[in-house]
Amino acid sequence: MCLSIPSKVLEIDENNVALVETLGVTRRVSLDLISDPVKVGEYVLIHVGYAMEKIDTKFALESLEIYKKIADDMASGEIDEDEGDMGLSAMSEKR
């Protein structure tokens, strides 16, 4: 399963490569696979160095709040590592 966290576009260079920020981490990604124009300040979903989709800012901010809550709950021990698999380990044990 792939989990893509919304990434904010901080800058775009002349080669259509964006500097994006994802939960405090910056990286460069290509915008070549997105058909709609992307502007600084917008949010994208990335996979393996490519922005795959532009997403609505409101949705991106809501998603980021959920990811932050999950991370905080894991750090505080409120969610333990066995709960994080959503029951998938039990399914694989039945096979």
PDB file of N, CA and C in Angstrom:
ATOM      1  N   MET A   1       0.840  -1.172   0.000  1.00  0.00           N
ATOM      2  CA  MET A   1       0.000   0.000   0.000  1.00  0.00           C
ATOM      3  C   MET A   1       0.885   1.235   0.000  1.00  0.00           C
ATOM      4  N   CYS A   2       0.489   2.224  -0.750  1.00  0.00           N
ATOM      5  CA  CYS A   2       1.229   3.476  -0.829  1.00  0.00           C
ATOM      6  C   CYS A   2       0.406   4.564  -0.142  1.00  0.00           C
ATOM      7  N   LEU A   3       1.056   5.316   0.708  1.00  0.00           N
ATOM      8  CA  LEU A   3       0.414   6.414   1.403  1.00  0.00           C
ATOM      9  C   LEU A   3       1.056   7.705   0.937  1.00  0.00           C
ATOM     10  N   SER A   4       0.272   8.582   0.363  1.00  0.00           N
ATOM     11  CA  SER A   4       0.804   9.848  -0.122  1.00  0.00           C
ATOM     12  C   SER A   4       0.280  10.976   0.750  1.00  0.00           C
ATOM     13  N   ILE A   5       1.203  11.711   1.328  1.00  0.00           N
ATOM     14  CA  ILE A   5       0.871  12.830   2.207  1.00  0.00           C
ATOM     15  C   ILE A   5       0.922  14.112   1.372  1.00  0.00           C
ATOM     16  N   PRO A   6      -0.072  14.989   1.512  1.00  0.00           N
ATOM     17  CA  PRO A   6      -0.054  16.235   0.746  1.00  0.00           C
ATOM     18  C   PRO A   6       1.240  17.013   0.946  1.00  0.00           C
ATOM     19  N   SER A   7       1.763  17.530  -0.148  1.00  0.00           N
ATOM     20  CA  SER A   7       3.007  18.290  -0.143  1.00  0.00           C
ATOM     21  C   SER A   7       2.753  19.668  -0.726  1.00  0.00           C
ATOM     22  N   LYS A   8       3.214  20.699  -0.028  1.00  0.00           N
ATOM     23  CA  LYS A   8       3.009  22.081  -0.468  1.00  0.00           C
ATOM     24  C   LYS A   8       4.133  22.498  -1.410  1.00  0.00           C
ATOM     25  N   VAL A   9       3.758  23.093  -2.537  1.00  0.00           N
ATOM     26  CA  VAL A   9       4.734  23.567  -3.520  1.00  0.00           C
ATOM     27  C   VAL A   9       5.303  24.892  -3.034  1.00  0.00           C
ATOM     28  N   LEU A  10       6.630  24.906  -2.837  1.00  0.00           N
ATOM     29  CA  LEU A  10       7.309  26.111  -2.353  1.00  0.00           C
ATOM     30  C   LEU A  10       7.898  26.943  -3.487  1.00  0.00           C
ATOM     31  N   GLU A  11       8.386  26.264  -4.535  1.00  0.00           N
ATOM     32  CA  GLU A  11       8.933  26.957  -5.706  1.00  0.00           C
ATOM     33  C   GLU A  11       8.916  26.004  -6.893  1.00  0.00           C
ATOM     34  N   ILE A  12       8.945  26.590  -8.067  1.00  0.00           N
ATOM     35  CA  ILE A  12       8.976  25.817  -9.317  1.00  0.00           C
ATOM     36  C   ILE A  12      10.069  26.407 -10.189  1.00  0.00           C
ATOM     37  N   ASP A  13      10.964  25.553 -10.696  1.00  0.00           N
ATOM     38  CA  ASP A  13      12.052  26.072 -11.528  1.00  0.00           C
ATOM     39  C   ASP A  13      11.705  25.987 -13.023  1.00  0.00           C
ATOM     40  N   GLU A  14      12.628  26.419 -13.852  1.00  0.00           N
ATOM     41  CA  GLU A  14      12.398  26.479 -15.302  1.00  0.00           C
ATOM     42  C   GLU A  14      12.305  25.092 -15.948  1.00  0.00           C
ATOM     43  N   ASN A  15      12.689  24.048 -15.228  1.00  0.00           N
ATOM     44  CA  ASN A  15      12.607  22.679 -15.752  1.00  0.00           C
ATOM     45  C   ASN A  15      11.350  21.953 -15.294  1.00  0.00           C
ATOM     46  N   ASN A  16      10.388  22.681 -14.721  1.00  0.00           N
ATOM     47  CA  ASN A  16       9.141  22.132 -14.224  1.00  0.00           C
ATOM     48  C   ASN A  16       9.370  21.189 -13.040  1.00  0.00           C
ATOM     49  N   VAL A  17      10.391  21.503 -12.252  1.00  0.00           N
ATOM     50  CA  VAL A  17      10.693  20.750 -11.035  1.00  0.00           C
ATOM     51  C   VAL A  17      10.333  21.642  -9.856  1.00  0.00           C
ATOM     52  N   ALA A  18       9.582  21.070  -8.918  1.00  0.00           N
ATOM     53  CA  ALA A  18       9.126  21.839  -7.768  1.00  0.00           C
ATOM     54  C   ALA A  18       9.879  21.442  -6.513  1.00  0.00           C
ATOM     55  N   LEU A  19      10.120  22.429  -5.666  1.00  0.00           N
ATOM     56  CA  LEU A  19      10.564  22.172  -4.311  1.00  0.00           C
ATOM     57  C   LEU A  19       9.282  22.092  -3.493  1.00  0.00           C
ATOM     58  N   VAL A  20       9.066  20.955  -2.831  1.00  0.00           N
ATOM     59  CA  VAL A  20       7.855  20.765  -2.037  1.00  0.00           C
ATOM     60  C   VAL A  20       8.225  20.477  -0.595  1.00  0.00           C
ATOM     61  N   GLU A  21       7.286  20.760   0.294  1.00  0.00           N
ATOM     62  CA  GLU A  21       7.468  20.498   1.722  1.00  0.00           C
ATOM     63  C   GLU A  21       6.385  19.540   2.181  1.00  0.00           C
ATOM     64  N   THR A  22       6.825  18.459   2.846  1.00  0.00           N
ATOM     65  CA  THR A  22       5.916  17.445   3.368  1.00  0.00           C
ATOM     66  C   THR A  22       6.217  17.258   4.849  1.00  0.00           C
ATOM     67  N   LEU A  23       5.351  17.760   5.695  1.00  0.00           N
ATOM     68  CA  LEU A  23       5.521  17.640   7.141  1.00  0.00           C
ATOM     69  C   LEU A  23       6.927  18.036   7.598  1.00  0.00           C
ATOM     70  N   GLY A  24       7.420  19.151   7.078  1.00  0.00           N
ATOM     71  CA  GLY A  24       8.712  19.679   7.483  1.00  0.00           C
ATOM     72  C   GLY A  24       9.900  19.189   6.677  1.00  0.00           C
ATOM     73  N   VAL A  25       9.688  18.255   5.772  1.00  0.00           N
ATOM     74  CA  VAL A  25      10.762  17.721   4.938  1.00  0.00           C
ATOM     75  C   VAL A  25      10.615  18.293   3.531  1.00  0.00           C
ATOM     76  N   THR A  26      11.699  18.833   2.981  1.00  0.00           N
ATOM     77  CA  THR A  26      11.636  19.355   1.615  1.00  0.00           C
ATOM     78  C   THR A  26      12.353  18.407   0.662  1.00  0.00           C
ATOM     79  N   ARG A  27      11.866  18.383  -0.558  1.00  0.00           N
ATOM     80  CA  ARG A  27      12.468  17.572  -1.622  1.00  0.00           C
ATOM     81  C   ARG A  27      12.070  18.170  -2.961  1.00  0.00           C
ATOM     82  N   ARG A  28      12.744  17.755  -3.993  1.00  0.00           N
ATOM     83  CA  ARG A  28      12.433  18.209  -5.350  1.00  0.00           C
ATOM     84  C   ARG A  28      11.695  17.094  -6.080  1.00  0.00           C
ATOM     85  N   VAL A  29      10.632  17.484  -6.790  1.00  0.00           N
ATOM     86  CA  VAL A  29       9.841  16.515  -7.552  1.00  0.00           C
ATOM     87  C   VAL A  29       9.489  17.102  -8.913  1.00  0.00           C
ATOM     88  N   SER A  30       9.345  16.235  -9.882  1.00  0.00           N
ATOM     89  CA  SER A  30       8.946  16.657 -11.220  1.00  0.00           C
ATOM     90  C   SER A  30       7.438  16.888 -11.262  1.00  0.00           C
ATOM     91  N   LEU A  31       7.047  17.919 -11.981  1.00  0.00           N
ATOM     92  CA  LEU A  31       5.624  18.206 -12.193  1.00  0.00           C
ATOM     93  C   LEU A  31       5.155  17.733 -13.571  1.00  0.00           C
ATOM     94  N   ASP A  32       6.012  17.033 -14.299  1.00  0.00           N
ATOM     95  CA  ASP A  32       5.723  16.669 -15.685  1.00  0.00           C
ATOM     96  C   ASP A  32       4.518  15.759 -15.873  1.00  0.00           C
ATOM     97  N   LEU A  33       4.097  15.023 -14.850  1.00  0.00           N
ATOM     98  CA  LEU A  33       2.973  14.098 -15.017  1.00  0.00           C
ATOM     99  C   LEU A  33       1.612  14.714 -14.703  1.00  0.00           C
ATOM    100  N   ILE A  34       1.604  15.977 -14.297  1.00  0.00           N
ATOM    101  CA  ILE A  34       0.343  16.652 -13.990  1.00  0.00           C
ATOM    102  C   ILE A  34      -0.052  17.519 -15.175  1.00  0.00           C
ATOM    103  N   SER A  35      -1.279  17.303 -15.659  1.00  0.00           N
ATOM    104  CA  SER A  35      -1.724  18.054 -16.840  1.00  0.00           C
ATOM    105  C   SER A  35      -2.161  19.488 -16.500  1.00  0.00           C
ATOM    106  N   ASP A  36      -2.711  19.696 -15.310  1.00  0.00           N
ATOM    107  CA  ASP A  36      -3.133  21.037 -14.896  1.00  0.00           C
ATOM    108  C   ASP A  36      -1.922  21.845 -14.432  1.00  0.00           C
ATOM    109  N   PRO A  37      -1.928  23.140 -14.683  1.00  0.00           N
ATOM    110  CA  PRO A  37      -0.832  23.971 -14.184  1.00  0.00           C
ATOM    111  C   PRO A  37      -0.798  23.957 -12.650  1.00  0.00           C
ATOM    112  N   VAL A  38       0.393  23.927 -12.094  1.00  0.00           N
ATOM    113  CA  VAL A  38       0.577  23.939 -10.646  1.00  0.00           C
ATOM    114  C   VAL A  38       1.257  25.251 -10.281  1.00  0.00           C
ATOM    115  N   LYS A  39       0.772  25.885  -9.209  1.00  0.00           N
ATOM    116  CA  LYS A  39       1.321  27.160  -8.763  1.00  0.00           C
ATOM    117  C   LYS A  39       1.937  27.005  -7.376  1.00  0.00           C
ATOM    118  N   VAL A  40       2.866  27.885  -7.067  1.00  0.00           N
ATOM    119  CA  VAL A  40       3.448  27.941  -5.726  1.00  0.00           C
ATOM    120  C   VAL A  40       2.312  28.144  -4.729  1.00  0.00           C
ATOM    121  N   GLY A  41       2.354  27.392  -3.636  1.00  0.00           N
ATOM    122  CA  GLY A  41       1.319  27.480  -2.602  1.00  0.00           C
ATOM    123  C   GLY A  41       0.267  26.400  -2.708  1.00  0.00           C
ATOM    124  N   GLU A  42       0.190  25.730  -3.861  1.00  0.00           N
ATOM    125  CA  GLU A  42      -0.785  24.649  -4.023  1.00  0.00           C
ATOM    126  C   GLU A  42      -0.205  23.351  -3.470  1.00  0.00           C
ATOM    127  N   TYR A  43      -1.066  22.349  -3.352  1.00  0.00           N
ATOM    128  CA  TYR A  43      -0.667  21.055  -2.798  1.00  0.00           C
ATOM    129  C   TYR A  43      -0.744  19.976  -3.865  1.00  0.00           C
ATOM    130  N   VAL A  44       0.217  19.050  -3.774  1.00  0.00           N
ATOM    131  CA  VAL A  44       0.265  17.915  -4.696  1.00  0.00           C
ATOM    132  C   VAL A  44       0.490  16.635  -3.898  1.00  0.00           C
ATOM    133  N   LEU A  45       0.150  15.516  -4.523  1.00  0.00           N
ATOM    134  CA  LEU A  45       0.484  14.202  -3.990  1.00  0.00           C
ATOM    135  C   LEU A  45       1.636  13.676  -4.820  1.00  0.00           C
ATOM    136  N   ILE A  46       2.658  13.131  -4.159  1.00  0.00           N
ATOM    137  CA  ILE A  46       3.845  12.698  -4.883  1.00  0.00           C
ATOM    138  C   ILE A  46       4.087  11.201  -4.699  1.00  0.00           C
ATOM    139  N   HIS A  47       4.775  10.635  -5.676  1.00  0.00           N
ATOM    140  CA  HIS A  47       5.172   9.227  -5.629  1.00  0.00           C
ATOM    141  C   HIS A  47       6.468   9.076  -6.407  1.00  0.00           C
ATOM    142  N   VAL A  48       7.482   8.566  -5.763  1.00  0.00           N
ATOM    143  CA  VAL A  48       8.775   8.258  -6.357  1.00  0.00           C
ATOM    144  C   VAL A  48       9.331   9.428  -7.186  1.00  0.00           C
ATOM    145  N   GLY A  49       9.311  10.611  -6.604  1.00  0.00           N
ATOM    146  CA  GLY A  49       9.928  11.759  -7.255  1.00  0.00           C
ATOM    147  C   GLY A  49       9.075  12.500  -8.268  1.00  0.00           C
ATOM    148  N   TYR A  50       7.818  12.102  -8.403  1.00  0.00           N
ATOM    149  CA  TYR A  50       6.910  12.765  -9.341  1.00  0.00           C
ATOM    150  C   TYR A  50       5.645  13.206  -8.623  1.00  0.00           C
ATOM    151  N   ALA A  51       5.202  14.414  -8.909  1.00  0.00           N
ATOM    152  CA  ALA A  51       3.887  14.836  -8.452  1.00  0.00           C
ATOM    153  C   ALA A  51       2.872  14.140  -9.346  1.00  0.00           C
ATOM    154  N   MET A  52       1.919  13.457  -8.725  1.00  0.00           N
ATOM    155  CA  MET A  52       0.954  12.667  -9.486  1.00  0.00           C
ATOM    156  C   MET A  52      -0.396  13.373  -9.647  1.00  0.00           C
ATOM    157  N   GLU A  53      -0.700  14.246  -8.691  1.00  0.00           N
ATOM    158  CA  GLU A  53      -2.022  14.864  -8.690  1.00  0.00           C
ATOM    159  C   GLU A  53      -1.989  16.151  -7.882  1.00  0.00           C
ATOM    160  N   LYS A  54      -2.678  17.169  -8.374  1.00  0.00           N
ATOM    161  CA  LYS A  54      -2.869  18.399  -7.612  1.00  0.00           C
ATOM    162  C   LYS A  54      -4.136  18.207  -6.794  1.00  0.00           C
ATOM    163  N   ILE A  55      -4.103  18.653  -5.522  1.00  0.00           N
ATOM    164  CA  ILE A  55      -5.281  18.475  -4.686  1.00  0.00           C
ATOM    165  C   ILE A  55      -5.729  19.800  -4.073  1.00  0.00           C
ATOM    166  N   ASP A  56      -6.980  19.828  -3.700  1.00  0.00           N
ATOM    167  CA  ASP A  56      -7.607  20.989  -3.095  1.00  0.00           C
ATOM    168  C   ASP A  56      -6.910  21.357  -1.785  1.00  0.00           C
ATOM    169  N   THR A  57      -6.646  22.637  -1.582  1.00  0.00           N
ATOM    170  CA  THR A  57      -5.942  23.104  -0.388  1.00  0.00           C
ATOM    171  C   THR A  57      -6.688  22.744   0.890  1.00  0.00           C
ATOM    172  N   LYS A  58      -7.995  22.920   0.915  1.00  0.00           N
ATOM    173  CA  LYS A  58      -8.776  22.600   2.114  1.00  0.00           C
ATOM    174  C   LYS A  58      -8.637  21.118   2.455  1.00  0.00           C
ATOM    175  N   PHE A  59      -8.753  20.253   1.469  1.00  0.00           N
ATOM    176  CA  PHE A  59      -8.600  18.817   1.678  1.00  0.00           C
ATOM    177  C   PHE A  59      -7.182  18.492   2.154  1.00  0.00           C
ATOM    178  N   ALA A  60      -6.178  19.133   1.560  1.00  0.00           N
ATOM    179  CA  ALA A  60      -4.786  18.893   1.941  1.00  0.00           C
ATOM    180  C   ALA A  60      -4.558  19.259   3.403  1.00  0.00           C
ATOM    181  N   LEU A  61      -5.048  20.411   3.830  1.00  0.00           N
ATOM    182  CA  LEU A  61      -4.856  20.850   5.210  1.00  0.00           C
ATOM    183  C   LEU A  61      -5.584  19.936   6.194  1.00  0.00           C
ATOM    184  N   GLU A  62      -6.792  19.487   5.837  1.00  0.00           N
ATOM    185  CA  GLU A  62      -7.527  18.545   6.683  1.00  0.00           C
ATOM    186  C   GLU A  62      -6.759  17.226   6.797  1.00  0.00           C
ATOM    187  N   SER A  63      -6.234  16.748   5.696  1.00  0.00           N
ATOM    188  CA  SER A  63      -5.463  15.500   5.697  1.00  0.00           C
ATOM    189  C   SER A  63      -4.209  15.629   6.556  1.00  0.00           C
ATOM    190  N   LEU A  64      -3.508  16.751   6.431  1.00  0.00           N
ATOM    191  CA  LEU A  64      -2.295  16.965   7.218  1.00  0.00           C
ATOM    192  C   LEU A  64      -2.591  16.973   8.721  1.00  0.00           C
ATOM    193  N   GLU A  65      -3.715  17.538   9.107  1.00  0.00           N
ATOM    194  CA  GLU A  65      -4.100  17.530  10.520  1.00  0.00           C
ATOM    195  C   GLU A  65      -4.325  16.097  11.010  1.00  0.00           C
ATOM    196  N   ILE A  66      -4.937  15.267  10.181  1.00  0.00           N
ATOM    197  CA  ILE A  66      -5.164  13.864  10.552  1.00  0.00           C
ATOM    198  C   ILE A  66      -3.832  13.134  10.693  1.00  0.00           C
ATOM    199  N   TYR A  67      -2.910  13.326   9.731  1.00  0.00           N
ATOM    200  CA  TYR A  67      -1.596  12.688   9.816  1.00  0.00           C
ATOM    201  C   TYR A  67      -0.847  13.128  11.066  1.00  0.00           C
ATOM    202  N   LYS A  68      -0.930  14.418  11.394  1.00  0.00           N
ATOM    203  CA  LYS A  68      -0.249  14.921  12.591  1.00  0.00           C
ATOM    204  C   LYS A  68      -0.838  14.297  13.852  1.00  0.00           C
ATOM    205  N   LYS A  69      -2.152  14.155  13.904  1.00  0.00           N
ATOM    206  CA  LYS A  69      -2.818  13.534  15.060  1.00  0.00           C
ATOM    207  C   LYS A  69      -2.377  12.086  15.204  1.00  0.00           C
ATOM    208  N   ILE A  70      -2.323  11.350  14.116  1.00  0.00           N
ATOM    209  CA  ILE A  70      -1.878   9.960  14.164  1.00  0.00           C
ATOM    210  C   ILE A  70      -0.435   9.882  14.672  1.00  0.00           C
ATOM    211  N   ALA A  71       0.439  10.737  14.141  1.00  0.00           N
ATOM    212  CA  ALA A  71       1.839  10.744  14.574  1.00  0.00           C
ATOM    213  C   ALA A  71       1.944  11.079  16.057  1.00  0.00           C
ATOM    214  N   ASP A  72       1.175  12.061  16.524  1.00  0.00           N
ATOM    215  CA  ASP A  72       1.194  12.431  17.940  1.00  0.00           C
ATOM    216  C   ASP A  72       0.708  11.276  18.808  1.00  0.00           C
ATOM    217  N   ASP A  73      -0.367  10.609  18.372  1.00  0.00           N
ATOM    218  CA  ASP A  73      -0.911   9.483  19.130  1.00  0.00           C
ATOM    219  C   ASP A  73       0.075   8.315  19.178  1.00  0.00           C
ATOM    220  N   MET A  74       0.800   8.093  18.107  1.00  0.00           N
ATOM    221  CA  MET A  74       1.811   7.032  18.107  1.00  0.00           C
ATOM    222  C   MET A  74       2.971   7.398  19.028  1.00  0.00           C
ATOM    223  N   ALA A  75       3.398   8.658  18.988  1.00  0.00           N
ATOM    224  CA  ALA A  75       4.515   9.103  19.819  1.00  0.00           C
ATOM    225  C   ALA A  75       4.162   9.036  21.304  1.00  0.00           C
ATOM    226  N   SER A  76       2.913   9.313  21.641  1.00  0.00           N
ATOM    227  CA  SER A  76       2.491   9.300  23.044  1.00  0.00           C
ATOM    228  C   SER A  76       2.140   7.897  23.527  1.00  0.00           C
ATOM    229  N   GLY A  77       2.078   6.937  22.626  1.00  0.00           N
ATOM    230  CA  GLY A  77       1.728   5.573  23.000  1.00  0.00           C
ATOM    231  C   GLY A  77       0.235   5.308  22.995  1.00  0.00           C
ATOM    232  N   GLU A  78      -0.553   6.326  22.628  1.00  0.00           N
ATOM    233  CA  GLU A  78      -2.006   6.150  22.577  1.00  0.00           C
ATOM    234  C   GLU A  78      -2.392   5.131  21.508  1.00  0.00           C
ATOM    235  N   ILE A  79      -1.640   5.106  20.429  1.00  0.00           N
ATOM    236  CA  ILE A  79      -1.781   4.070  19.401  1.00  0.00           C
ATOM    237  C   ILE A  79      -0.504   3.252  19.474  1.00  0.00           C
ATOM    238  N   ASP A  80      -0.621   1.939  19.722  1.00  0.00           N
ATOM    239  CA  ASP A  80       0.608   1.154  19.745  1.00  0.00           C
ATOM    240  C   ASP A  80       0.849   0.546  18.365  1.00  0.00           C
ATOM    241  N   GLU A  81       2.041   0.019  18.169  1.00  0.00           N
ATOM    242  CA  GLU A  81       2.436  -0.444  16.831  1.00  0.00           C
ATOM    243  C   GLU A  81       1.567  -1.581  16.325  1.00  0.00           C
ATOM    244  N   ASP A  82       0.949  -2.371  17.212  1.00  0.00           N
ATOM    245  CA  ASP A  82       0.085  -3.466  16.758  1.00  0.00           C
ATOM    246  C   ASP A  82      -1.235  -2.958  16.197  1.00  0.00           C
ATOM    247  N   GLU A  83      -1.663  -1.763  16.612  1.00  0.00           N
ATOM    248  CA  GLU A  83      -2.905  -1.199  16.107  1.00  0.00           C
ATOM    249  C   GLU A  83      -2.734  -0.562  14.740  1.00  0.00           C
ATOM    250  N   GLY A  84      -1.516  -0.239  14.384  1.00  0.00           N
ATOM    251  CA  GLY A  84      -1.255   0.491  13.158  1.00  0.00           C
ATOM    252  C   GLY A  84      -1.443  -0.318  11.885  1.00  0.00           C
ATOM    253  N   ASP A  85      -1.573  -1.637  12.002  1.00  0.00           N
ATOM    254  CA  ASP A  85      -1.701  -2.450  10.791  1.00  0.00           C
ATOM    255  C   ASP A  85      -3.150  -2.641  10.358  1.00  0.00           C
ATOM    256  N   MET A  86      -4.095  -2.050  11.086  1.00  0.00           N
ATOM    257  CA  MET A  86      -5.524  -2.107  10.756  1.00  0.00           C
ATOM    258  C   MET A  86      -6.033  -3.537  10.641  1.00  0.00           C
ATOM    259  N   GLY A  87      -5.459  -4.452  11.419  1.00  0.00           N
ATOM    260  CA  GLY A  87      -5.919  -5.831  11.408  1.00  0.00           C
ATOM    261  C   GLY A  87      -5.319  -6.700  10.321  1.00  0.00           C
ATOM    262  N   LEU A  88      -4.408  -6.159   9.537  1.00  0.00           N
ATOM    263  CA  LEU A  88      -3.853  -6.921   8.420  1.00  0.00           C
ATOM    264  C   LEU A  88      -2.986  -8.083   8.890  1.00  0.00           C
ATOM    265  N   SER A  89      -2.286  -7.923  10.023  1.00  0.00           N
ATOM    266  CA  SER A  89      -1.425  -9.020  10.480  1.00  0.00           C
ATOM    267  C   SER A  89      -2.284 -10.212  10.894  1.00  0.00           C
ATOM    268  N   ALA A  90      -3.443  -9.981  11.469  1.00  0.00           N
ATOM    269  CA  ALA A  90      -4.331 -11.084  11.835  1.00  0.00           C
ATOM    270  C   ALA A  90      -4.829 -11.816  10.603  1.00  0.00           C
ATOM    271  N   MET A  91      -5.070 -11.067   9.533  1.00  0.00           N
ATOM    272  CA  MET A  91      -5.523 -11.704   8.286  1.00  0.00           C
ATOM    273  C   MET A  91      -4.431 -12.594   7.709  1.00  0.00           C
ATOM    274  N   SER A  92      -3.187 -12.130   7.761  1.00  0.00           N
ATOM    275  CA  SER A  92      -2.105 -12.914   7.178  1.00  0.00           C
ATOM    276  C   SER A  92      -1.813 -14.149   8.024  1.00  0.00           C
ATOM    277  N   GLU A  93      -2.070 -14.079   9.329  1.00  0.00           N
ATOM    278  CA  GLU A  93      -1.864 -15.238  10.200  1.00  0.00           C
ATOM    279  C   GLU A  93      -2.866 -16.348   9.908  1.00  0.00           C
ATOM    280  N   LYS A  94      -4.053 -15.989   9.394  1.00  0.00           N
ATOM    281  CA  LYS A  94      -5.098 -16.979   9.094  1.00  0.00           C
ATOM    282  C   LYS A  94      -4.781 -17.774   7.825  1.00  0.00           C
ATOM    283  N   ARG A  95      -3.880 -17.255   6.999  1.00  0.00           N
ATOM    284  CA  ARG A  95      -3.589 -17.929   5.722  1.00  0.00           C
ATOM    285  C   ARG A  95      -2.747 -19.148   5.902  1.00  0.00           C
TER     286      ARG A  95
END
